[in-house]
Protein backbone atom coordinates (compact mmCIF):
# COMPACT_ATOMS: atom_id res chain seq x y z
CA MET A 1 182.53 79.82 -42.45
CA ARG A 2 185.18 79.05 -44.67
CA SER A 3 185.80 79.58 -48.14
CA ARG A 4 188.60 78.91 -50.96
CA LEU A 5 188.49 77.72 -54.26
CA THR A 6 190.83 74.61 -55.12
CA ALA A 7 191.97 74.43 -58.74
CA LEU A 8 193.55 71.40 -59.93
CA ALA A 9 195.23 70.30 -62.75
CA PRO A 10 194.62 67.45 -64.51
CA VAL A 11 194.56 64.79 -62.38
CA LEU A 12 197.46 62.24 -62.99
CA VAL A 13 196.11 58.75 -62.60
CA ALA A 14 198.19 55.79 -62.72
CA CYS A 15 198.49 54.23 -66.55
CA THR A 16 199.09 50.78 -66.30
CA ALA A 17 200.48 49.05 -69.44
CA ALA A 18 197.55 47.62 -70.30
CA ALA A 19 195.59 50.76 -70.10
CA CYS A 20 197.94 52.30 -71.86
CA GLY A 21 198.19 50.04 -74.60
CA ASP A 22 202.03 49.25 -74.00
CA ASP A 23 203.42 47.70 -77.01
CA GLY A 24 207.15 48.43 -75.84
CA GLY A 25 207.16 51.63 -78.11
CA SER A 26 205.50 54.61 -77.77
CA ALA A 27 201.77 54.44 -76.17
CA THR A 28 200.14 56.51 -78.75
CA GLU A 29 200.71 57.27 -82.10
CA LEU A 30 199.04 60.50 -82.05
CA GLU A 31 201.94 62.07 -80.23
CA GLY A 32 202.96 64.91 -82.48
CA ILE A 33 202.55 68.45 -82.90
CA TYR A 34 199.45 69.84 -84.93
CA GLN A 35 198.00 72.85 -86.13
CA LEU A 36 194.67 74.21 -84.27
CA ALA A 37 191.79 73.88 -86.47
CA SER A 38 189.63 75.42 -84.24
CA TRP A 39 188.55 75.41 -80.72
CA THR A 40 185.12 76.11 -79.21
CA HIS A 41 183.21 76.29 -76.34
CA ASN A 42 179.49 76.07 -76.02
CA PRO A 43 178.44 77.31 -72.47
CA ASP A 44 174.79 76.44 -72.81
CA SER A 45 174.36 72.87 -74.08
CA CYS A 46 176.65 69.89 -75.61
CA ASP A 47 173.98 69.35 -78.14
CA GLY A 48 176.65 71.01 -80.88
CA GLU A 49 179.58 72.74 -80.85
CA GLY A 50 179.30 76.35 -79.91
CA PRO A 51 181.28 79.41 -81.24
CA ASP A 52 185.00 80.09 -81.26
CA ALA A 53 186.42 80.16 -77.97
CA PRO A 54 188.80 83.43 -76.95
CA GLU A 55 191.80 80.53 -77.03
CA ALA A 56 191.58 79.91 -80.62
CA THR A 57 193.09 83.63 -81.19
CA PHE A 58 195.54 82.76 -78.78
CA TYR A 59 197.22 79.92 -80.08
CA SER A 60 198.34 78.49 -83.47
CA HIS A 61 199.50 75.00 -82.74
CA PHE A 62 199.71 72.37 -80.00
CA PHE A 63 201.46 69.44 -79.41
CA VAL A 64 200.52 65.42 -78.28
CA LYS A 65 203.22 63.93 -76.47
CA LEU A 66 203.35 61.08 -73.50
CA GLU A 67 204.86 62.22 -70.16
CA SER A 68 206.25 60.09 -67.35
CA PHE A 69 206.13 61.35 -64.11
CA LEU A 70 207.79 59.18 -60.88
CA GLY A 71 207.12 56.04 -63.16
CA GLU A 72 203.35 57.21 -64.16
CA GLU A 73 202.50 57.80 -67.66
CA PHE A 74 199.84 60.05 -69.25
CA ILE A 75 199.64 62.21 -72.37
CA THR A 76 199.46 65.89 -72.57
CA THR A 77 198.44 68.91 -74.96
CA VAL A 78 200.47 71.81 -74.55
CA PHE A 79 199.48 74.91 -76.64
CA CYS A 80 202.03 76.64 -78.20
CA SER A 81 201.26 80.33 -80.68
CA ASP A 82 203.62 79.68 -83.06
CA LEU A 83 205.31 76.19 -84.74
CA ASP A 84 208.87 77.08 -83.54
CA GLU A 85 207.93 77.28 -79.77
CA CYS A 86 205.94 74.22 -79.98
CA ARG A 87 209.04 72.14 -81.37
CA ALA A 88 210.82 73.77 -78.96
CA THR A 89 208.72 73.32 -76.20
CA ALA A 90 208.19 69.68 -77.26
CA ALA A 91 211.56 68.93 -77.70
CA GLU A 92 212.53 69.37 -74.12
CA ASP A 93 212.95 65.78 -72.74
CA ASP A 94 213.84 66.79 -69.59
CA THR A 95 210.88 69.11 -68.85
CA ILE A 96 207.65 67.10 -67.89
CA HIS A 97 204.81 69.04 -69.57
CA ILE A 98 201.87 69.93 -68.19
CA GLY A 99 199.54 71.09 -70.59
CA ASN A 100 196.12 72.00 -70.66
CA TYR A 101 194.44 68.93 -70.67
CA ALA A 102 195.86 65.64 -69.74
CA PHE A 103 194.83 62.06 -70.72
CA ASP A 104 195.66 59.03 -68.68
CA GLY A 105 193.23 56.02 -69.27
CA GLY A 106 192.58 54.59 -72.65
CA SER A 107 193.93 53.60 -76.19
CA ASP A 108 194.13 55.18 -79.44
CA GLY A 109 191.15 53.31 -80.58
CA GLU A 110 189.25 53.70 -78.24
CA GLY A 111 190.18 57.13 -77.12
CA TRP A 112 192.24 58.79 -74.42
CA THR A 113 190.04 60.13 -71.09
CA GLY A 114 191.11 62.33 -68.38
CA ARG A 115 189.48 64.44 -65.90
CA SER A 116 190.13 67.21 -64.02
CA LEU A 117 188.13 69.32 -61.61
CA ILE A 118 187.40 73.19 -59.76
CA LEU A 119 185.83 73.30 -56.28
CA GLN A 120 184.89 75.79 -53.99
CA ILE A 121 184.91 74.65 -50.47
CA ASP A 122 182.67 75.89 -47.93
CA GLU A 123 180.22 73.68 -45.39
CA THR A 124 181.04 71.28 -48.38
CA CYS A 125 182.48 71.76 -52.08
CA SER A 126 180.80 72.42 -54.95
CA GLY A 127 181.62 73.29 -58.34
CA SER A 128 183.05 71.86 -61.94
CA VAL A 129 183.91 68.52 -62.99
CA PHE A 130 185.77 68.24 -66.86
CA GLU A 131 185.92 64.61 -68.66
CA ALA A 132 187.54 64.96 -71.72
CA THR A 133 188.53 62.87 -74.48
CA LEU A 134 191.40 62.36 -77.00
CA THR A 135 190.67 60.81 -80.38
CA GLY A 136 192.65 61.02 -83.54
CA ASP A 137 193.66 59.59 -86.93
CA PRO A 138 197.36 58.99 -86.27
CA GLY A 139 199.52 61.49 -88.73
CA ALA A 140 196.27 63.28 -89.74
CA SER A 141 194.42 65.17 -87.18
CA VAL A 142 193.23 64.73 -83.49
CA ARG A 143 189.84 65.86 -81.37
CA ILE A 144 189.56 66.91 -77.88
CA ASP A 145 185.70 66.98 -76.41
CA GLN A 146 185.68 68.45 -72.80
CA GLU A 147 182.33 68.01 -71.04
CA THR A 148 181.83 70.17 -67.75
CA LYS A 149 178.98 69.01 -65.17
CA THR A 150 178.21 71.01 -61.89
CA VAL A 151 178.30 69.17 -58.78
CA SER A 152 177.17 70.61 -55.19
CA ASP A 153 176.58 69.23 -51.86
CA VAL A 154 180.55 67.17 -51.66
CA PRO A 155 181.53 66.29 -48.71
CA LEU A 156 185.07 67.13 -47.41
CA ALA A 157 187.95 65.08 -46.80
CA SER A 158 190.67 65.76 -43.96
CA ASP A 159 192.77 67.40 -46.72
CA GLY A 160 189.95 69.41 -48.55
CA CYS A 161 187.14 68.05 -50.78
CA ASP A 162 186.94 64.72 -51.36
CA GLU A 163 187.53 64.49 -55.32
CA GLU A 164 186.69 60.79 -55.79
CA ALA A 165 183.13 61.57 -54.32
CA ALA A 166 183.04 64.57 -56.81
CA TYR A 167 183.55 62.48 -59.84
CA ASP A 168 181.55 59.76 -58.61
CA GLN A 169 178.41 62.74 -58.39
CA ALA A 170 179.67 63.82 -61.52
CA ALA A 171 179.39 60.60 -63.63
CA PRO A 172 175.75 59.97 -64.20
CA LEU A 173 174.95 63.63 -65.15
CA PRO A 174 174.52 65.12 -68.04
CA CYS A 175 176.96 67.62 -69.88
CA GLU A 176 176.01 71.28 -69.63
CA GLU A 177 179.39 72.47 -71.41
CA LEU A 178 180.88 71.43 -74.22
CA THR A 179 184.57 72.47 -75.42
CA VAL A 180 185.90 70.67 -78.36
CA VAL A 181 189.58 71.27 -79.70
CA MET A 182 190.64 70.18 -83.38
CA GLY A 183 193.92 70.01 -84.61
CA THR A 184 195.64 68.82 -88.23
CA PHE A 185 199.17 67.17 -88.48
CA ALA A 186 201.95 69.23 -88.91
CA GLU A 187 204.84 67.32 -87.89
CA GLY A 188 206.40 64.66 -85.68
CA ILE A 189 207.89 65.06 -82.35
């Protein structure tokens, strides 16, 4: 029996012009630096926000930025210990920022969505699927809601766990844990 942990960063999926709301400019008006207002985690349900998450003590700001990698666009959120760190990091245009959350579909009006997973491989795969949504009011605030769902008996693929099967299995399942991050607009990038 073999066992290993497979941790995947937020999945970067193609973002078409229609899906990203390409109007010849930025795909989102939510880009900017935000002061962290709250970061909560409810490990027991998704009926409401939980207590402050440990991350809330490490970070004071984060930025939301449109990134492009090999022609694929996504929105990322990168957390910083202070405003100056966020300013400097966000200004690095020759760097692809992979933050805590990545969003590859949606729009400012409907919300941006992204998903990721952490699976353990045994005879089959099991673990957590994370589905995150970014919403906000441009120039005012943003909110990230991340739901966690548990999957099991996910089949193996030739190169590890069948990720699409894990996402398909998670889609109809109820949310088990809820993380909510809220930020207040501080300044543009």
